[in-house]
């Protein structure tokens, strides 16, 4: 009795398996056009995804080659290479570093306004390091461009960024700009605060002292 029940169960599974494929073949025969359309769509998706990943890899390789050549190129050629990479819309992080390089080249060429424009764009970067450095670099570029009032505003903005590691350089920049605008009292106050602040690092304190002494000599 036990053997009969086991054998009967196996026959039922086999019949169901065969019946499934009979039904499947019958469906394919009746809906041949739909079946081949479905297969075609699946193949198209698979091939398309492979082509997409290939193109992405190829694009990344091209960008890497251009980036490597730009690092070794002369300034004008490097700028063209950086612009070419930006046209290919690289990831945001790479884009930010490329713009930093471009701004650095403009600074070397003393094209201060062009450098300041890029640094201003980078102040919106999602990378803390890029954003913090750009705030200081923009102010420096404007100062070098002799746009003292604009530079002063940039330095004031930097000085208000308590978590920016370059904040203290914003205060030094404020003092320089205020001195050029002949607001000696405000410049003196900023410099004295830096000199008397025990948390200020020695190199910054030394520069503040030099500015303060120069300011005092001028007043005599």
C-alpha atoms as a PDB file:
ATOM      1  CA  UNK A   1       0.000   0.000   0.000  1.00  0.00           C
ATOM      2  CA  UNK A   2       2.829   2.410   0.869  1.00  0.00           C
ATOM      3  CA  UNK A   3       4.730   1.616  -2.355  1.00  0.00           C
ATOM      4  CA  UNK A   4       1.613   2.238  -4.450  1.00  0.00           C
ATOM      5  CA  UNK A   5       1.099   5.709  -2.930  1.00  0.00           C
ATOM      6  CA  UNK A   6       4.740   6.767  -3.559  1.00  0.00           C
ATOM      7  CA  UNK A   7       4.640   5.564  -7.179  1.00  0.00           C
ATOM      8  CA  UNK A   8       1.340   7.338  -7.778  1.00  0.00           C
ATOM      9  CA  UNK A   9       2.768  10.646  -6.418  1.00  0.00           C
ATOM     10  CA  UNK A  10       5.758  10.524  -8.745  1.00  0.00           C
ATOM     11  CA  UNK A  11       3.545   9.861 -11.765  1.00  0.00           C
ATOM     12  CA  UNK A  12       1.432  12.879 -10.811  1.00  0.00           C
ATOM     13  CA  UNK A  13       4.537  15.159 -10.720  1.00  0.00           C
ATOM     14  CA  UNK A  14       5.720  13.889 -14.082  1.00  0.00           C
ATOM     15  CA  UNK A  15       2.314  14.422 -15.650  1.00  0.00           C
ATOM     16  CA  UNK A  16       2.150  17.969 -14.303  1.00  0.00           C
ATOM     17  CA  UNK A  17       5.629  18.742 -15.668  1.00  0.00           C
ATOM     18  CA  UNK A  18       4.775  17.425 -19.124  1.00  0.00           C
ATOM     19  CA  UNK A  19       1.394  19.114 -19.062  1.00  0.00           C
ATOM     20  CA  UNK A  20       3.083  22.480 -18.271  1.00  0.00           C
ATOM     21  CA  UNK A  21       5.348  22.287 -21.301  1.00  0.00           C
ATOM     22  CA  UNK A  22       2.457  21.098 -23.486  1.00  0.00           C
ATOM     23  CA  UNK A  23       0.536  24.191 -22.442  1.00  0.00           C
ATOM     24  CA  UNK A  24       3.589  26.415 -22.963  1.00  0.00           C
ATOM     25  CA  UNK A  25       4.257  25.071 -26.473  1.00  0.00           C
ATOM     26  CA  UNK A  26       0.574  25.421 -27.335  1.00  0.00           C
ATOM     27  CA  UNK A  27       0.654  29.064 -26.141  1.00  0.00           C
ATOM     28  CA  UNK A  28       3.810  29.784 -28.138  1.00  0.00           C
ATOM     29  CA  UNK A  29       2.235  28.240 -31.250  1.00  0.00           C
ATOM     30  CA  UNK A  30      -0.935  30.278 -30.875  1.00  0.00           C
ATOM     31  CA  UNK A  31       0.858  33.524 -29.939  1.00  0.00           C
ATOM     32  CA  UNK A  32       4.007  33.135 -32.018  1.00  0.00           C
ATOM     33  CA  UNK A  33       4.270  36.823 -32.920  1.00  0.00           C
ATOM     34  CA  UNK A  34       3.917  37.969 -29.297  1.00  0.00           C
ATOM     35  CA  UNK A  35       6.435  35.371 -28.156  1.00  0.00           C
ATOM     36  CA  UNK A  36       9.130  36.456 -30.589  1.00  0.00           C
ATOM     37  CA  UNK A  37       8.396  40.114 -29.837  1.00  0.00           C
ATOM     38  CA  UNK A  38       8.949  39.394 -26.137  1.00  0.00           C
ATOM     39  CA  UNK A  39      12.233  37.597 -26.880  1.00  0.00           C
ATOM     40  CA  UNK A  40      13.308  40.493 -29.080  1.00  0.00           C
ATOM     41  CA  UNK A  41      12.617  43.026 -26.340  1.00  0.00           C
ATOM     42  CA  UNK A  42      14.598  40.988 -23.795  1.00  0.00           C
ATOM     43  CA  UNK A  43      17.550  40.687 -26.167  1.00  0.00           C
ATOM     44  CA  UNK A  44      17.388  44.388 -26.985  1.00  0.00           C
ATOM     45  CA  UNK A  45      17.499  45.296 -23.290  1.00  0.00           C
ATOM     46  CA  UNK A  46      20.423  42.959 -22.643  1.00  0.00           C
ATOM     47  CA  UNK A  47      22.420  44.178 -25.633  1.00  0.00           C
ATOM     48  CA  UNK A  48      21.538  47.800 -24.888  1.00  0.00           C
ATOM     49  CA  UNK A  49      22.757  47.534 -21.304  1.00  0.00           C
ATOM     50  CA  UNK A  50      26.032  46.014 -22.461  1.00  0.00           C
ATOM     51  CA  UNK A  51      26.534  48.789 -25.004  1.00  0.00           C
ATOM     52  CA  UNK A  52      25.740  51.418 -22.354  1.00  0.00           C
ATOM     53  CA  UNK A  53      28.278  50.045 -19.884  1.00  0.00           C
ATOM     54  CA  UNK A  54      30.862  49.763 -22.666  1.00  0.00           C
ATOM     55  CA  UNK A  55      30.350  53.376 -23.673  1.00  0.00           C
ATOM     56  CA  UNK A  56      30.537  54.485 -20.046  1.00  0.00           C
ATOM     57  CA  UNK A  57      33.814  52.630 -19.576  1.00  0.00           C
ATOM     58  CA  UNK A  58      35.132  53.992 -22.860  1.00  0.00           C
ATOM     59  CA  UNK A  59      34.111  57.528 -21.887  1.00  0.00           C
ATOM     60  CA  UNK A  60      35.819  57.188 -18.499  1.00  0.00           C
ATOM     61  CA  UNK A  61      38.996  55.983 -20.172  1.00  0.00           C
ATOM     62  CA  UNK A  62      39.001  58.941 -22.562  1.00  0.00           C
ATOM     63  CA  UNK A  63      38.475  61.380 -19.699  1.00  0.00           C
ATOM     64  CA  UNK A  64      41.304  59.761 -17.722  1.00  0.00           C
ATOM     65  CA  UNK A  65      43.660  60.101 -20.699  1.00  0.00           C
ATOM     66  CA  UNK A  66      42.783  63.767 -21.181  1.00  0.00           C
ATOM     67  CA  UNK A  67      43.146  64.412 -17.434  1.00  0.00           C
ATOM     68  CA  UNK A  68      46.603  62.823 -17.352  1.00  0.00           C
ATOM     69  CA  UNK A  69      47.784  64.845 -20.360  1.00  0.00           C
ATOM     70  CA  UNK A  70      46.393  68.068 -18.882  1.00  0.00           C
ATOM     71  CA  UNK A  71      48.459  67.621 -15.715  1.00  0.00           C
ATOM     72  CA  UNK A  72      51.636  67.630 -17.831  1.00  0.00           C
ATOM     73  CA  UNK A  73      50.620  70.299 -20.336  1.00  0.00           C
ATOM     74  CA  UNK A  74      51.488  73.977 -20.560  1.00  0.00           C
ATOM     75  CA  UNK A  75      48.941  76.314 -18.907  1.00  0.00           C
ATOM     76  CA  UNK A  76      47.000  77.297 -22.041  1.00  0.00           C
ATOM     77  CA  UNK A  77      46.887  73.726 -23.315  1.00  0.00           C
ATOM     78  CA  UNK A  78      45.859  72.496 -19.867  1.00  0.00           C
ATOM     79  CA  UNK A  79      42.960  74.965 -19.769  1.00  0.00           C
ATOM     80  CA  UNK A  80      41.680  73.642 -23.101  1.00  0.00           C
ATOM     81  CA  UNK A  81      41.968  70.086 -21.808  1.00  0.00           C
ATOM     82  CA  UNK A  82      40.090  70.932 -18.598  1.00  0.00           C
ATOM     83  CA  UNK A  83      37.321  72.596 -20.609  1.00  0.00           C
ATOM     84  CA  UNK A  84      37.112  69.541 -22.869  1.00  0.00           C
ATOM     85  CA  UNK A  85      36.646  67.271 -19.858  1.00  0.00           C
ATOM     86  CA  UNK A  86      33.959  69.553 -18.401  1.00  0.00           C
ATOM     87  CA  UNK A  87      32.062  69.338 -21.697  1.00  0.00           C
ATOM     88  CA  UNK A  88      31.845  65.573 -21.139  1.00  0.00           C
ATOM     89  CA  UNK A  89      30.025  66.228 -17.838  1.00  0.00           C
ATOM     90  CA  UNK A  90      32.243  64.206 -15.455  1.00  0.00           C
ATOM     91  CA  UNK A  91      31.129  63.339 -11.889  1.00  0.00           C
ATOM     92  CA  UNK A  92      30.671  66.378  -9.653  1.00  0.00           C
ATOM     93  CA  UNK A  93      33.717  65.612  -7.489  1.00  0.00           C
ATOM     94  CA  UNK A  94      36.016  65.409 -10.526  1.00  0.00           C
ATOM     95  CA  UNK A  95      34.384  68.508 -11.996  1.00  0.00           C
ATOM     96  CA  UNK A  96      35.154  70.479  -8.835  1.00  0.00           C
ATOM     97  CA  UNK A  97      38.812  69.469  -8.809  1.00  0.00           C
ATOM     98  CA  UNK A  98      39.122  70.353 -12.500  1.00  0.00           C
ATOM     99  CA  UNK A  99      37.728  73.817 -11.797  1.00  0.00           C
ATOM    100  CA  UNK A 100      40.205  74.191  -8.943  1.00  0.00           C
ATOM    101  CA  UNK A 101      43.011  73.407 -11.371  1.00  0.00           C
ATOM    102  CA  UNK A 102      41.636  75.913 -13.868  1.00  0.00           C
ATOM    103  CA  UNK A 103      41.407  78.626 -11.223  1.00  0.00           C
ATOM    104  CA  UNK A 104      44.978  77.848 -10.164  1.00  0.00           C
ATOM    105  CA  UNK A 105      46.202  78.339 -13.741  1.00  0.00           C
ATOM    106  CA  UNK A 106      44.347  81.648 -14.023  1.00  0.00           C
ATOM    107  CA  UNK A 107      45.985  82.722 -10.759  1.00  0.00           C
ATOM    108  CA  UNK A 108      49.430  81.807 -12.128  1.00  0.00           C
ATOM    109  CA  UNK A 109      48.659  83.906 -15.188  1.00  0.00           C
ATOM    110  CA  UNK A 110      47.465  86.731 -12.903  1.00  0.00           C
ATOM    111  CA  UNK A 111      43.991  86.590 -14.450  1.00  0.00           C
ATOM    112  CA  UNK A 112      42.521  87.291 -11.066  1.00  0.00           C
ATOM    113  CA  UNK A 113      38.918  87.994 -12.056  1.00  0.00           C
ATOM    114  CA  UNK A 114      38.671  84.730 -14.011  1.00  0.00           C
ATOM    115  CA  UNK A 115      40.078  82.879 -11.007  1.00  0.00           C
ATOM    116  CA  UNK A 116      37.663  84.648  -8.637  1.00  0.00           C
ATOM    117  CA  UNK A 117      34.697  83.706 -10.832  1.00  0.00           C
ATOM    118  CA  UNK A 118      35.575  80.011 -10.664  1.00  0.00           C
ATOM    119  CA  UNK A 119      36.224  80.092  -6.922  1.00  0.00           C
ATOM    120  CA  UNK A 120      32.827  81.714  -6.430  1.00  0.00           C
ATOM    121  CA  UNK A 121      31.185  78.813  -8.287  1.00  0.00           C
ATOM    122  CA  UNK A 122      33.083  76.335  -6.128  1.00  0.00           C
ATOM    123  CA  UNK A 123      31.780  77.885  -2.917  1.00  0.00           C
ATOM    124  CA  UNK A 124      28.647  75.826  -3.596  1.00  0.00           C
ATOM    125  CA  UNK A 125      30.634  72.566  -3.825  1.00  0.00           C
ATOM    126  CA  UNK A 126      29.457  69.550  -1.833  1.00  0.00           C
ATOM    127  CA  UNK A 127      33.091  68.839  -0.905  1.00  0.00           C
ATOM    128  CA  UNK A 128      34.019  70.591   2.347  1.00  0.00           C
ATOM    129  CA  UNK A 129      37.683  70.983   1.397  1.00  0.00           C
ATOM    130  CA  UNK A 130      36.893  72.553  -1.975  1.00  0.00           C
ATOM    131  CA  UNK A 131      34.200  74.822  -0.545  1.00  0.00           C
ATOM    132  CA  UNK A 132      36.372  76.069   2.339  1.00  0.00           C
ATOM    133  CA  UNK A 133      39.466  76.658   0.216  1.00  0.00           C
ATOM    134  CA  UNK A 134      37.482  78.427  -2.498  1.00  0.00           C
ATOM    135  CA  UNK A 135      36.035  80.942  -0.039  1.00  0.00           C
ATOM    136  CA  UNK A 136      39.553  82.048   0.906  1.00  0.00           C
ATOM    137  CA  UNK A 137      40.937  81.831  -2.638  1.00  0.00           C
ATOM    138  CA  UNK A 138      38.124  84.001  -4.045  1.00  0.00           C
ATOM    139  CA  UNK A 139      38.878  86.735  -1.527  1.00  0.00           C
ATOM    140  CA  UNK A 140      42.603  86.582  -2.340  1.00  0.00           C
ATOM    141  CA  UNK A 141      41.917  86.760  -6.079  1.00  0.00           C
ATOM    142  CA  UNK A 142      39.682  89.813  -5.654  1.00  0.00           C
ATOM    143  CA  UNK A 143      42.321  91.476  -3.483  1.00  0.00           C
ATOM    144  CA  UNK A 144      44.979  90.820  -6.112  1.00  0.00           C
ATOM    145  CA  UNK A 145      42.606  92.186  -8.753  1.00  0.00           C
ATOM    146  CA  UNK A 146      42.597  95.443  -6.721  1.00  0.00           C
ATOM    147  CA  UNK A 147      38.854  95.112  -6.106  1.00  0.00           C
ATOM    148  CA  UNK A 148      39.350  95.922  -2.450  1.00  0.00           C
ATOM    149  CA  UNK A 149      35.726  96.538  -1.451  1.00  0.00           C
ATOM    150  CA  UNK A 150      34.632  93.236  -3.017  1.00  0.00           C
ATOM    151  CA  UNK A 151      37.592  91.487  -1.420  1.00  0.00           C
ATOM    152  CA  UNK A 152      36.665  92.948   1.975  1.00  0.00           C
ATOM    153  CA  UNK A 153      33.129  91.533   1.685  1.00  0.00           C
ATOM    154  CA  UNK A 154      34.566  88.139   0.746  1.00  0.00           C
ATOM    155  CA  UNK A 155      36.947  88.221   3.714  1.00  0.00           C
ATOM    156  CA  UNK A 156      34.120  89.240   6.045  1.00  0.00           C
ATOM    157  CA  UNK A 157      32.051  86.321   4.794  1.00  0.00           C
ATOM    158  CA  UNK A 158      34.987  83.971   5.363  1.00  0.00           C
ATOM    159  CA  UNK A 159      35.567  85.355   8.865  1.00  0.00           C
ATOM    160  CA  UNK A 160      31.958  84.531   9.759  1.00  0.00           C
ATOM    161  CA  UNK A 161      32.402  80.850   8.788  1.00  0.00           C
ATOM    162  CA  UNK A 162      33.327  79.493  12.205  1.00  0.00           C
ATOM    163  CA  UNK A 163      33.891  75.929  10.963  1.00  0.00           C
ATOM    164  CA  UNK A 164      36.059  76.959   8.026  1.00  0.00           C
ATOM    165  CA  UNK A 165      39.744  76.209   8.809  1.00  0.00           C
ATOM    166  CA  UNK A 166      40.711  79.300   6.773  1.00  0.00           C
ATOM    167  CA  UNK A 167      38.569  81.621   8.902  1.00  0.00           C
ATOM    168  CA  UNK A 168      41.571  83.202  10.580  1.00  0.00           C
ATOM    169  CA  UNK A 169      43.048  84.096   7.176  1.00  0.00           C
ATOM    170  CA  UNK A 170      39.796  85.890   6.482  1.00  0.00           C
ATOM    171  CA  UNK A 171      40.513  88.143   9.456  1.00  0.00           C
ATOM    172  CA  UNK A 172      44.045  88.842   8.231  1.00  0.00           C
ATOM    173  CA  UNK A 173      42.609  89.691   4.825  1.00  0.00           C
ATOM    174  CA  UNK A 174      40.027  91.978   6.423  1.00  0.00           C
ATOM    175  CA  UNK A 175      42.801  93.923   8.131  1.00  0.00           C
ATOM    176  CA  UNK A 176      44.752  94.329   4.889  1.00  0.00           C
ATOM    177  CA  UNK A 177      41.689  95.566   3.002  1.00  0.00           C
ATOM    178  CA  UNK A 178      40.642  97.933   5.788  1.00  0.00           C
ATOM    179  CA  UNK A 179      44.131  99.401   5.815  1.00  0.00           C
ATOM    180  CA  UNK A 180      43.965 100.018   2.057  1.00  0.00           C
ATOM    181  CA  UNK A 181      40.571 101.664   2.528  1.00  0.00           C
ATOM    182  CA  UNK A 182      42.177 103.794   5.270  1.00  0.00           C
ATOM    183  CA  UNK A 183      39.938 102.430   8.019  1.00  0.00           C
ATOM    184  CA  UNK A 184      42.892 102.053  10.350  1.00  0.00           C
ATOM    185  CA  UNK A 185      40.902 101.798  13.593  1.00  0.00           C
ATOM    186  CA  UNK A 186      39.000  98.675  12.481  1.00  0.00           C
ATOM    187  CA  UNK A 187      42.169  97.130  11.064  1.00  0.00           C
ATOM    188  CA  UNK A 188      43.973  97.754  14.357  1.00  0.00           C
ATOM    189  CA  UNK A 189      41.172  96.131  16.375  1.00  0.00           C
ATOM    190  CA  UNK A 190      41.166  92.959  14.234  1.00  0.00           C
ATOM    191  CA  UNK A 191      44.950  92.621  14.413  1.00  0.00           C
ATOM    192  CA  UNK A 192      45.105  93.128  18.191  1.00  0.00           C
ATOM    193  CA  UNK A 193      42.421  90.466  18.686  1.00  0.00           C
ATOM    194  CA  UNK A 194      44.465  88.024  16.617  1.00  0.00           C
ATOM    195  CA  UNK A 195      47.671  88.805  18.477  1.00  0.00           C
ATOM    196  CA  UNK A 196      46.064  88.425  21.898  1.00  0.00           C
ATOM    197  CA  UNK A 197      44.090  85.289  21.060  1.00  0.00           C
ATOM    198  CA  UNK A 198      45.931  82.280  22.605  1.00  0.00           C
ATOM    199  CA  UNK A 199      44.253  79.888  20.152  1.00  0.00           C
ATOM    200  CA  UNK A 200      45.750  81.566  17.083  1.00  0.00           C
ATOM    201  CA  UNK A 201      48.645  79.617  15.546  1.00  0.00           C
ATOM    202  CA  UNK A 202      52.145  81.237  15.672  1.00  0.00           C
ATOM    203  CA  UNK A 203      52.492  81.798  11.875  1.00  0.00           C
ATOM    204  CA  UNK A 204      49.158  83.660  11.767  1.00  0.00           C
ATOM    205  CA  UNK A 205      50.012  85.609  14.928  1.00  0.00           C
ATOM    206  CA  UNK A 206      53.378  86.543  13.404  1.00  0.00           C
ATOM    207  CA  UNK A 207      51.732  87.908  10.247  1.00  0.00           C
ATOM    208  CA  UNK A 208      49.194  89.793  12.363  1.00  0.00           C
ATOM    209  CA  UNK A 209      52.064  91.336  14.345  1.00  0.00           C
ATOM    210  CA  UNK A 210      53.847  92.417  11.149  1.00  0.00           C
ATOM    211  CA  UNK A 211      50.669  94.058   9.860  1.00  0.00           C
ATOM    212  CA  UNK A 212      50.066  95.773  13.188  1.00  0.00           C
ATOM    213  CA  UNK A 213      53.621  97.134  13.396  1.00  0.00           C
ATOM    214  CA  UNK A 214      53.401  98.397   9.824  1.00  0.00           C
ATOM    215  CA  UNK A 215      50.102 100.050  10.702  1.00  0.00           C
ATOM    216  CA  UNK A 216      51.623 101.774  13.725  1.00  0.00           C
ATOM    217  CA  UNK A 217      54.625 103.028  11.759  1.00  0.00           C
ATOM    218  CA  UNK A 218      52.243 104.490   9.191  1.00  0.00           C
ATOM    219  CA  UNK A 219      50.305 106.315  11.917  1.00  0.00           C
ATOM    220  CA  UNK A 220      53.452 108.070  13.202  1.00  0.00           C
END
